[in-house]
PDB file of all heavy atoms in Angstrom:
ATOM      1  N   GLY A   1      93.817  35.846 132.579  1.00  0.00           N
ATOM      2  CA  GLY A   1      93.514  35.457 133.954  1.00  0.00           C
ATOM      3  C   GLY A   1      93.885  36.560 134.919  1.00  0.00           C
ATOM      4  O   GLY A   1      94.543  37.539 134.571  1.00  0.00           O
ATOM      5  N   SER A   2      93.496  36.398 136.148  1.00  0.00           N
ATOM      6  CA  SER A   2      93.725  37.440 137.162  1.00  0.00           C
ATOM      7  C   SER A   2      95.207  37.719 137.377  1.00  0.00           C
ATOM      8  O   SER A   2      95.614  38.846 137.638  1.00  0.00           O
ATOM      9  CB  SER A   2      93.076  37.033 138.489  1.00  0.00           C
ATOM     10  OG  SER A   2      93.581  35.782 138.937  1.00  0.00           O
ATOM     11  N   ALA A   3      96.037  36.682 137.237  1.00  0.00           N
ATOM     12  CA  ALA A   3      97.475  36.855 137.493  1.00  0.00           C
ATOM     13  C   ALA A   3      98.147  37.695 136.415  1.00  0.00           C
ATOM     14  O   ALA A   3      99.109  38.423 136.677  1.00  0.00           O
ATOM     15  CB  ALA A   3      98.150  35.488 137.589  1.00  0.00           C
ATOM     16  N   GLY A   4      97.673  37.595 135.175  1.00  0.00           N
ATOM     17  CA  GLY A   4      98.352  38.288 134.081  1.00  0.00           C
ATOM     18  C   GLY A   4      97.701  39.573 133.642  1.00  0.00           C
ATOM     19  O   GLY A   4      98.236  40.295 132.794  1.00  0.00           O
ATOM     20  N   THR A   5      96.559  39.918 134.229  1.00  0.00           N
ATOM     21  CA  THR A   5      95.818  41.094 133.775  1.00  0.00           C
ATOM     22  C   THR A   5      96.615  42.378 133.924  1.00  0.00           C
ATOM     23  O   THR A   5      96.642  43.214 133.013  1.00  0.00           O
ATOM     24  CB  THR A   5      94.482  41.209 134.536  1.00  0.00           C
ATOM     25  OG1 THR A   5      93.689  40.053 134.278  1.00  0.00           O
ATOM     26  CG2 THR A   5      93.715  42.449 134.088  1.00  0.00           C
ATOM     27  N   GLN A   6      97.266  42.558 135.074  1.00  0.00           N
ATOM     28  CA  GLN A   6      98.009  43.799 135.308  1.00  0.00           C
ATOM     29  C   GLN A   6      99.157  43.954 134.325  1.00  0.00           C
ATOM     30  O   GLN A   6      99.414  45.058 133.827  1.00  0.00           O
ATOM     31  CB  GLN A   6      98.518  43.850 136.743  1.00  0.00           C
ATOM     32  CG  GLN A   6      97.427  44.030 137.785  1.00  0.00           C
ATOM     33  CD  GLN A   6      97.978  44.218 139.184  1.00  0.00           C
ATOM     34  OE1 GLN A   6      99.162  43.983 139.427  1.00  0.00           O
ATOM     35  NE2 GLN A   6      97.131  44.643 140.103  1.00  0.00           N
ATOM     36  N   SER A   7      99.857  42.865 134.035  1.00  0.00           N
ATOM     37  CA  SER A   7     100.954  42.922 133.077  1.00  0.00           C
ATOM     38  C   SER A   7     100.447  43.309 131.700  1.00  0.00           C
ATOM     39  O   SER A   7     101.052  44.138 131.007  1.00  0.00           O
ATOM     40  CB  SER A   7     101.670  41.565 133.017  1.00  0.00           C
ATOM     41  OG  SER A   7     102.665  41.569 132.012  1.00  0.00           O
ATOM     42  N   LEU A   8      99.333  42.704 131.276  1.00  0.00           N
ATOM     43  CA  LEU A   8      98.758  43.037 129.981  1.00  0.00           C
ATOM     44  C   LEU A   8      98.323  44.488 129.949  1.00  0.00           C
ATOM     45  O   LEU A   8      98.564  45.202 128.960  1.00  0.00           O
ATOM     46  CB  LEU A   8      97.578  42.124 129.674  1.00  0.00           C
ATOM     47  CG  LEU A   8      96.843  42.379 128.357  1.00  0.00           C
ATOM     48  CD1 LEU A   8      97.785  42.204 127.169  1.00  0.00           C
ATOM     49  CD2 LEU A   8      95.633  41.440 128.218  1.00  0.00           C
ATOM     50  N   GLU A   9      97.700  44.952 131.002  1.00  0.00           N
ATOM     51  CA  GLU A   9      97.245  46.347 131.053  1.00  0.00           C
ATOM     52  C   GLU A   9      98.418  47.311 130.965  1.00  0.00           C
ATOM     53  O   GLU A   9      98.316  48.368 130.320  1.00  0.00           O
ATOM     54  CB  GLU A   9      96.452  46.585 132.340  1.00  0.00           C
ATOM     55  CG  GLU A   9      95.088  45.911 132.349  1.00  0.00           C
ATOM     56  CD  GLU A   9      94.358  46.104 133.667  1.00  0.00           C
ATOM     57  OE1 GLU A   9      95.012  46.563 134.642  1.00  0.00           O
ATOM     58  OE2 GLU A   9      93.157  45.799 133.730  1.00  0.00           O
ATOM     59  N   ARG A  10      99.539  46.972 131.609  1.00  0.00           N
ATOM     60  CA  ARG A  10     100.724  47.836 131.533  1.00  0.00           C
ATOM     61  C   ARG A  10     101.256  47.912 130.106  1.00  0.00           C
ATOM     62  O   ARG A  10     101.632  48.988 129.627  1.00  0.00           O
ATOM     63  CB  ARG A  10     101.816  47.332 132.479  1.00  0.00           C
ATOM     64  CG  ARG A  10     101.572  47.616 133.949  1.00  0.00           C
ATOM     65  CD  ARG A  10     102.842  47.427 134.765  1.00  0.00           C
ATOM     66  NE  ARG A  10     103.328  46.055 134.692  1.00  0.00           N
ATOM     67  CZ  ARG A  10     102.988  45.101 135.553  1.00  0.00           C
ATOM     68  NH1 ARG A  10     102.143  45.355 136.531  1.00  0.00           N
ATOM     69  NH2 ARG A  10     103.488  43.879 135.430  1.00  0.00           N
ATOM     70  N   ARG A  11     101.305  46.771 129.428  1.00  0.00           N
ATOM     71  CA  ARG A  11     101.804  46.768 128.052  1.00  0.00           C
ATOM     72  C   ARG A  11     100.878  47.551 127.131  1.00  0.00           C
ATOM     73  O   ARG A  11     101.334  48.294 126.252  1.00  0.00           O
ATOM     74  CB  ARG A  11     101.973  45.333 127.557  1.00  0.00           C
ATOM     75  CG  ARG A  11     102.970  44.512 128.361  1.00  0.00           C
ATOM     76  CD  ARG A  11     103.420  43.254 127.631  1.00  0.00           C
ATOM     77  NE  ARG A  11     102.341  42.358 127.279  1.00  0.00           N
ATOM     78  CZ  ARG A  11     101.836  41.423 128.081  1.00  0.00           C
ATOM     79  NH1 ARG A  11     102.295  41.308 129.333  1.00  0.00           N
ATOM     80  NH2 ARG A  11     100.893  40.608 127.648  1.00  0.00           N
ATOM     81  N   ILE A  12      99.579  47.396 127.339  1.00  0.00           N
ATOM     82  CA  ILE A  12      98.616  48.142 126.532  1.00  0.00           C
ATOM     83  C   ILE A  12      98.768  49.639 126.782  1.00  0.00           C
ATOM     84  O   ILE A  12      98.773  50.445 125.840  1.00  0.00           O
ATOM     85  CB  ILE A  12      97.178  47.684 126.840  1.00  0.00           C
ATOM     86  CG1 ILE A  12      96.949  46.261 126.317  1.00  0.00           C
ATOM     87  CG2 ILE A  12      96.160  48.646 126.220  1.00  0.00           C
ATOM     88  CD1 ILE A  12      95.606  45.666 126.699  1.00  0.00           C
ATOM     89  N   ALA A  13      98.917  50.025 128.044  1.00  0.00           N
ATOM     90  CA  ALA A  13      99.068  51.445 128.376  1.00  0.00           C
ATOM     91  C   ALA A  13     100.334  52.020 127.763  1.00  0.00           C
ATOM     92  O   ALA A  13     100.346  53.165 127.283  1.00  0.00           O
ATOM     93  CB  ALA A  13      99.077  51.626 129.891  1.00  0.00           C
ATOM     94  N   GLN A  14     101.421  51.248 127.770  1.00  0.00           N
ATOM     95  CA  GLN A  14     102.677  51.721 127.186  1.00  0.00           C
ATOM     96  C   GLN A  14     102.526  51.949 125.681  1.00  0.00           C
ATOM     97  O   GLN A  14     102.880  53.007 125.150  1.00  0.00           O
ATOM     98  CB  GLN A  14     103.788  50.714 127.453  1.00  0.00           C
ATOM     99  CG  GLN A  14     105.134  51.055 126.825  1.00  0.00           C
ATOM    100  CD  GLN A  14     105.836  52.228 127.487  1.00  0.00           C
ATOM    101  OE1 GLN A  14     105.518  52.575 128.642  1.00  0.00           O
ATOM    102  NE2 GLN A  14     106.771  52.842 126.798  1.00  0.00           N
ATOM    103  N   GLY A  15     101.987  50.949 124.989  1.00  0.00           N
ATOM    104  CA  GLY A  15     101.813  51.097 123.543  1.00  0.00           C
ATOM    105  C   GLY A  15     100.829  52.187 123.185  1.00  0.00           C
ATOM    106  O   GLY A  15     101.060  52.979 122.263  1.00  0.00           O
ATOM    107  N   ALA A  16      99.725  52.261 123.916  1.00  0.00           N
ATOM    108  CA  ALA A  16      98.720  53.291 123.650  1.00  0.00           C
ATOM    109  C   ALA A  16      99.280  54.680 123.914  1.00  0.00           C
ATOM    110  O   ALA A  16      98.978  55.639 123.190  1.00  0.00           O
ATOM    111  CB  ALA A  16      97.486  53.049 124.509  1.00  0.00           C
ATOM    112  N   GLY A  17     100.126  54.798 124.953  1.00  0.00           N
ATOM    113  CA  GLY A  17     100.739  56.087 125.238  1.00  0.00           C
ATOM    114  C   GLY A  17     101.645  56.546 124.113  1.00  0.00           C
ATOM    115  O   GLY A  17     101.684  57.733 123.776  1.00  0.00           O
ATOM    116  N   GLU A  18     102.367  55.621 123.520  1.00  0.00           N
ATOM    117  CA  GLU A  18     103.245  55.971 122.399  1.00  0.00           C
ATOM    118  C   GLU A  18     102.428  56.443 121.196  1.00  0.00           C
ATOM    119  O   GLU A  18     102.762  57.445 120.550  1.00  0.00           O
ATOM    120  CB  GLU A  18     104.113  54.771 122.037  1.00  0.00           C
ATOM    121  CG  GLU A  18     105.130  54.412 123.111  1.00  0.00           C
ATOM    122  CD  GLU A  18     105.797  53.063 122.875  1.00  0.00           C
ATOM    123  OE1 GLU A  18     105.576  52.471 121.794  1.00  0.00           O
ATOM    124  OE2 GLU A  18     106.534  52.603 123.763  1.00  0.00           O
ATOM    125  N   LEU A  19     101.346  55.724 120.891  1.00  0.00           N
ATOM    126  CA  LEU A  19     100.509  56.125 119.758  1.00  0.00           C
ATOM    127  C   LEU A  19      99.847  57.465 120.017  1.00  0.00           C
ATOM    128  O   LEU A  19      99.820  58.346 119.141  1.00  0.00           O
ATOM    129  CB  LEU A  19      99.448  55.059 119.495  1.00  0.00           C
ATOM    130  CG  LEU A  19      98.538  55.312 118.277  1.00  0.00           C
ATOM    131  CD1 LEU A  19      99.351  55.294 116.979  1.00  0.00           C
ATOM    132  CD2 LEU A  19      97.408  54.281 118.210  1.00  0.00           C
ATOM    133  N   ALA A  20      99.334  57.657 121.236  1.00  0.00           N
ATOM    134  CA  ALA A  20      98.685  58.922 121.574  1.00  0.00           C
ATOM    135  C   ALA A  20      99.665  60.083 121.491  1.00  0.00           C
ATOM    136  O   ALA A  20      99.312  61.181 121.036  1.00  0.00           O
ATOM    137  CB  ALA A  20      98.086  58.835 122.978  1.00  0.00           C
ATOM    138  N   ALA A  21     100.911  59.857 121.912  1.00  0.00           N
ATOM    139  CA  ALA A  21     101.915  60.922 121.873  1.00  0.00           C
ATOM    140  C   ALA A  21     102.210  61.345 120.440  1.00  0.00           C
ATOM    141  O   ALA A  21     102.306  62.535 120.133  1.00  0.00           O
ATOM    142  CB  ALA A  21     103.193  60.455 122.563  1.00  0.00           C
ATOM    143  N   VAL A  22     102.363  60.368 119.541  1.00  0.00           N
ATOM    144  CA  VAL A  22     102.627  60.686 118.140  1.00  0.00           C
ATOM    145  C   VAL A  22     101.435  61.420 117.531  1.00  0.00           C
ATOM    146  O   VAL A  22     101.596  62.422 116.824  1.00  0.00           O
ATOM    147  CB  VAL A  22     102.951  59.409 117.340  1.00  0.00           C
ATOM    148  CG1 VAL A  22     103.027  59.721 115.850  1.00  0.00           C
ATOM    149  CG2 VAL A  22     104.265  58.808 117.813  1.00  0.00           C
ATOM    150  N   MET A  23     100.223  60.945 117.805  1.00  0.00           N
ATOM    151  CA  MET A  23      99.030  61.594 117.257  1.00  0.00           C
ATOM    152  C   MET A  23      98.886  63.013 117.792  1.00  0.00           C
ATOM    153  O   MET A  23      98.510  63.928 117.051  1.00  0.00           O
ATOM    154  CB  MET A  23      97.792  60.777 117.594  1.00  0.00           C
ATOM    155  CG  MET A  23      97.720  59.428 116.901  1.00  0.00           C
ATOM    156  SD  MET A  23      96.215  58.509 117.313  1.00  0.00           S
ATOM    157  CE  MET A  23      94.964  59.560 116.546  1.00  0.00           C
ATOM    158  N   ALA A  24      99.192  63.214 119.070  1.00  0.00           N
ATOM    159  CA  ALA A  24      99.085  64.545 119.653  1.00  0.00           C
ATOM    160  C   ALA A  24     100.085  65.500 119.032  1.00  0.00           C
ATOM    161  O   ALA A  24      99.777  66.668 118.776  1.00  0.00           O
ATOM    162  CB  ALA A  24      99.293  64.472 121.168  1.00  0.00           C
ATOM    163  N   ARG A  25     101.285  65.018 118.758  1.00  0.00           N
ATOM    164  CA  ARG A  25     102.305  65.878 118.157  1.00  0.00           C
ATOM    165  C   ARG A  25     101.930  66.251 116.738  1.00  0.00           C
ATOM    166  O   ARG A  25     102.144  67.376 116.291  1.00  0.00           O
ATOM    167  CB  ARG A  25     103.662  65.177 118.199  1.00  0.00           C
ATOM    168  CG  ARG A  25     104.227  65.073 119.617  1.00  0.00           C
ATOM    169  CD  ARG A  25     105.448  64.182 119.672  1.00  0.00           C
ATOM    170  NE  ARG A  25     106.480  64.646 118.792  1.00  0.00           N
ATOM    171  CZ  ARG A  25     107.208  63.858 118.011  1.00  0.00           C
ATOM    172  NH1 ARG A  25     106.979  62.562 117.990  1.00  0.00           N
ATOM    173  NH2 ARG A  25     108.160  64.355 117.257  1.00  0.00           N
ATOM    174  N   VAL A  26     101.352  65.308 115.994  1.00  0.00           N
ATOM    175  CA  VAL A  26     100.889  65.619 114.648  1.00  0.00           C
ATOM    176  C   VAL A  26      99.772  66.635 114.709  1.00  0.00           C
ATOM    177  O   VAL A  26      99.704  67.587 113.917  1.00  0.00           O
ATOM    178  CB  VAL A  26     100.425  64.340 113.916  1.00  0.00           C
ATOM    179  CG1 VAL A  26      99.750  64.693 112.593  1.00  0.00           C
ATOM    180  CG2 VAL A  26     101.600  63.418 113.670  1.00  0.00           C
ATOM    181  N   SER A  27      98.862  66.473 115.677  1.00  0.00           N
ATOM    182  CA  SER A  27      97.709  67.362 115.796  1.00  0.00           C
ATOM    183  C   SER A  27      98.110  68.773 116.192  1.00  0.00           C
ATOM    184  O   SER A  27      97.611  69.758 115.646  1.00  0.00           O
ATOM    185  CB  SER A  27      96.727  66.803 116.830  1.00  0.00           C
ATOM    186  OG  SER A  27      96.242  65.546 116.451  1.00  0.00           O
ATOM    187  N   HIS A  28      99.024  68.885 117.156  1.00  0.00           N
ATOM    188  CA  HIS A  28      99.351  70.190 117.717  1.00  0.00           C
ATOM    189  C   HIS A  28     100.477  70.899 116.982  1.00  0.00           C
ATOM    190  O   HIS A  28     100.481  72.115 116.876  1.00  0.00           O
ATOM    191  CB  HIS A  28      99.738  70.044 119.191  1.00  0.00           C
ATOM    192  CG  HIS A  28      98.620  69.555 120.059  1.00  0.00           C
ATOM    193  ND1 HIS A  28      97.356  70.094 120.019  1.00  0.00           N
ATOM    194  CD2 HIS A  28      98.578  68.554 120.983  1.00  0.00           C
ATOM    195  CE1 HIS A  28      96.569  69.458 120.887  1.00  0.00           C
ATOM    196  NE2 HIS A  28      97.286  68.514 121.469  1.00  0.00           N
ATOM    197  N   ALA A  29     101.440  70.123 116.465  1.00  0.00           N
ATOM    198  CA  ALA A  29     102.633  70.743 115.890  1.00  0.00           C
ATOM    199  C   ALA A  29     102.700  70.640 114.388  1.00  0.00           C
ATOM    200  O   ALA A  29     103.210  71.524 113.715  1.00  0.00           O
ATOM    201  CB  ALA A  29     103.891  70.126 116.501  1.00  0.00           C
ATOM    202  N   GLY A  30     102.197  69.540 113.836  1.00  0.00           N
ATOM    203  CA  GLY A  30     102.255  69.360 112.395  1.00  0.00           C
ATOM    204  C   GLY A  30     103.578  68.800 111.948  1.00  0.00           C
ATOM    205  O   GLY A  30     103.644  67.788 111.284  1.00  0.00           O
ATOM    206  N   THR A  31     104.699  69.440 112.352  1.00  0.00           N
ATOM    207  CA  THR A  31     106.035  68.966 111.988  1.00  0.00           C
ATOM    208  C   THR A  31     106.937  69.052 113.203  1.00  0.00           C
ATOM    209  O   THR A  31     106.678  69.795 114.151  1.00  0.00           O
ATOM    210  CB  THR A  31     106.645  69.812 110.853  1.00  0.00           C
ATOM    211  OG1 THR A  31     106.712  71.170 111.276  1.00  0.00           O
ATOM    212  CG2 THR A  31     105.808  69.700 109.590  1.00  0.00           C
ATOM    213  N   THR A  32     108.026  68.317 113.159  1.00  0.00           N
ATOM    214  CA  THR A  32     109.034  68.361 114.212  1.00  0.00           C
ATOM    215  C   THR A  32     110.334  68.905 113.634  1.00  0.00           C
ATOM    216  O   THR A  32     110.857  68.351 112.674  1.00  0.00           O
ATOM    217  CB  THR A  32     109.290  66.948 114.779  1.00  0.00           C
ATOM    218  OG1 THR A  32     108.070  66.449 115.339  1.00  0.00           O
ATOM    219  CG2 THR A  32     110.353  66.985 115.854  1.00  0.00           C
ATOM    220  N   PRO A  33     110.856  70.004 114.178  1.00  0.00           N
ATOM    221  CA  PRO A  33     112.095  70.564 113.645  1.00  0.00           C
ATOM    222  C   PRO A  33     113.231  69.567 113.704  1.00  0.00           C
ATOM    223  O   PRO A  33     113.284  68.718 114.591  1.00  0.00           O
ATOM    224  CB  PRO A  33     112.351  71.769 114.580  1.00  0.00           C
ATOM    225  CG  PRO A  33     111.024  72.075 115.203  1.00  0.00           C
ATOM    226  CD  PRO A  33     110.327  70.760 115.307  1.00  0.00           C
ATOM    227  N   ALA A  34     114.156  69.702 112.782  1.00  0.00           N
ATOM    228  CA  ALA A  34     115.326  68.823 112.770  1.00  0.00           C
ATOM    229  C   ALA A  34     116.106  69.000 114.057  1.00  0.00           C
ATOM    230  O   ALA A  34     116.267  70.110 114.573  1.00  0.00           O
ATOM    231  CB  ALA A  34     116.206  69.144 111.559  1.00  0.00           C
ATOM    232  N   GLY A  35     116.592  67.870 114.592  1.00  0.00           N
ATOM    233  CA  GLY A  35     117.383  67.920 115.812  1.00  0.00           C
ATOM    234  C   GLY A  35     116.577  67.854 117.086  1.00  0.00           C
ATOM    235  O   GLY A  35     117.131  67.886 118.177  1.00  0.00           O
ATOM    236  N   THR A  36     115.239  67.779 116.994  1.00  0.00           N
ATOM    237  CA  THR A  36     114.412  67.708 118.187  1.00  0.00           C
ATOM    238  C   THR A  36     114.642  66.391 118.908  1.00  0.00           C
ATOM    239  O   THR A  36     114.738  65.336 118.286  1.00  0.00           O
ATOM    240  CB  THR A  36     112.923  67.824 117.805  1.00  0.00           C
ATOM    241  OG1 THR A  36     112.713  69.100 117.206  1.00  0.00           O
ATOM    242  CG2 THR A  36     112.025  67.701 119.034  1.00  0.00           C
ATOM    243  N   ASP A  37     114.720  66.435 120.235  1.00  0.00           N
ATOM    244  CA  ASP A  37     114.840  65.213 121.044  1.00  0.00           C
ATOM    245  C   ASP A  37     113.459  64.592 121.143  1.00  0.00           C
ATOM    246  O   ASP A  37     112.644  64.975 121.965  1.00  0.00           O
ATOM    247  CB  ASP A  37     115.369  65.576 122.438  1.00  0.00           C
ATOM    248  CG  ASP A  37     115.585  64.330 123.298  1.00  0.00           C
ATOM    249  OD1 ASP A  37     115.118  63.246 122.905  1.00  0.00           O
ATOM    250  OD2 ASP A  37     116.217  64.458 124.356  1.00  0.00           O
ATOM    251  N   THR A  38     113.168  63.618 120.263  1.00  0.00           N
ATOM    252  CA  THR A  38     111.829  63.048 120.202  1.00  0.00           C
ATOM    253  C   THR A  38     111.503  62.252 121.449  1.00  0.00           C
ATOM    254  O   THR A  38     110.341  62.174 121.841  1.00  0.00           O
ATOM    255  CB  THR A  38     111.692  62.136 118.969  1.00  0.00           C
ATOM    256  OG1 THR A  38     112.708  61.127 119.013  1.00  0.00           O
ATOM    257  CG2 THR A  38     111.838  62.937 117.699  1.00  0.00           C
ATOM    258  N   SER A  39     112.496  61.644 122.105  1.00  0.00           N
ATOM    259  CA  SER A  39     112.190  60.881 123.317  1.00  0.00           C
ATOM    260  C   SER A  39     111.692  61.812 124.411  1.00  0.00           C
ATOM    261  O   SER A  39     110.775  61.485 125.151  1.00  0.00           O
ATOM    262  CB  SER A  39     113.425  60.114 123.796  1.00  0.00           C
ATOM    263  OG  SER A  39     114.479  60.994 124.142  1.00  0.00           O
ATOM    264  N   ALA A  40     112.278  63.023 124.497  1.00  0.00           N
ATOM    265  CA  ALA A  40     111.841  63.973 125.511  1.00  0.00           C
ATOM    266  C   ALA A  40     110.438  64.474 125.210  1.00  0.00           C
ATOM    267  O   ALA A  40     109.610  64.620 126.101  1.00  0.00           O
ATOM    268  CB  ALA A  40     112.822  65.149 125.585  1.00  0.00           C
ATOM    269  N   SER A  41     110.165  64.764 123.935  1.00  0.00           N
ATOM    270  CA  SER A  41     108.848  65.270 123.584  1.00  0.00           C
ATOM    271  C   SER A  41     107.780  64.225 123.780  1.00  0.00           C
ATOM    272  O   SER A  41     106.653  64.524 124.159  1.00  0.00           O
ATOM    273  CB  SER A  41     108.835  65.777 122.133  1.00  0.00           C
ATOM    274  OG  SER A  41     109.128  64.737 121.233  1.00  0.00           O
TER     275      SER A  41
END
């Protein structure tokens, strides 16, 4: 419904952003060195 659409969209964007970030790191870097701050990356 109209009241919950924005909340759902925010949750979808958050989850999609996490998946896209992991896929991008695999695509561009291949591996992550030990000790890397994954939250920052």
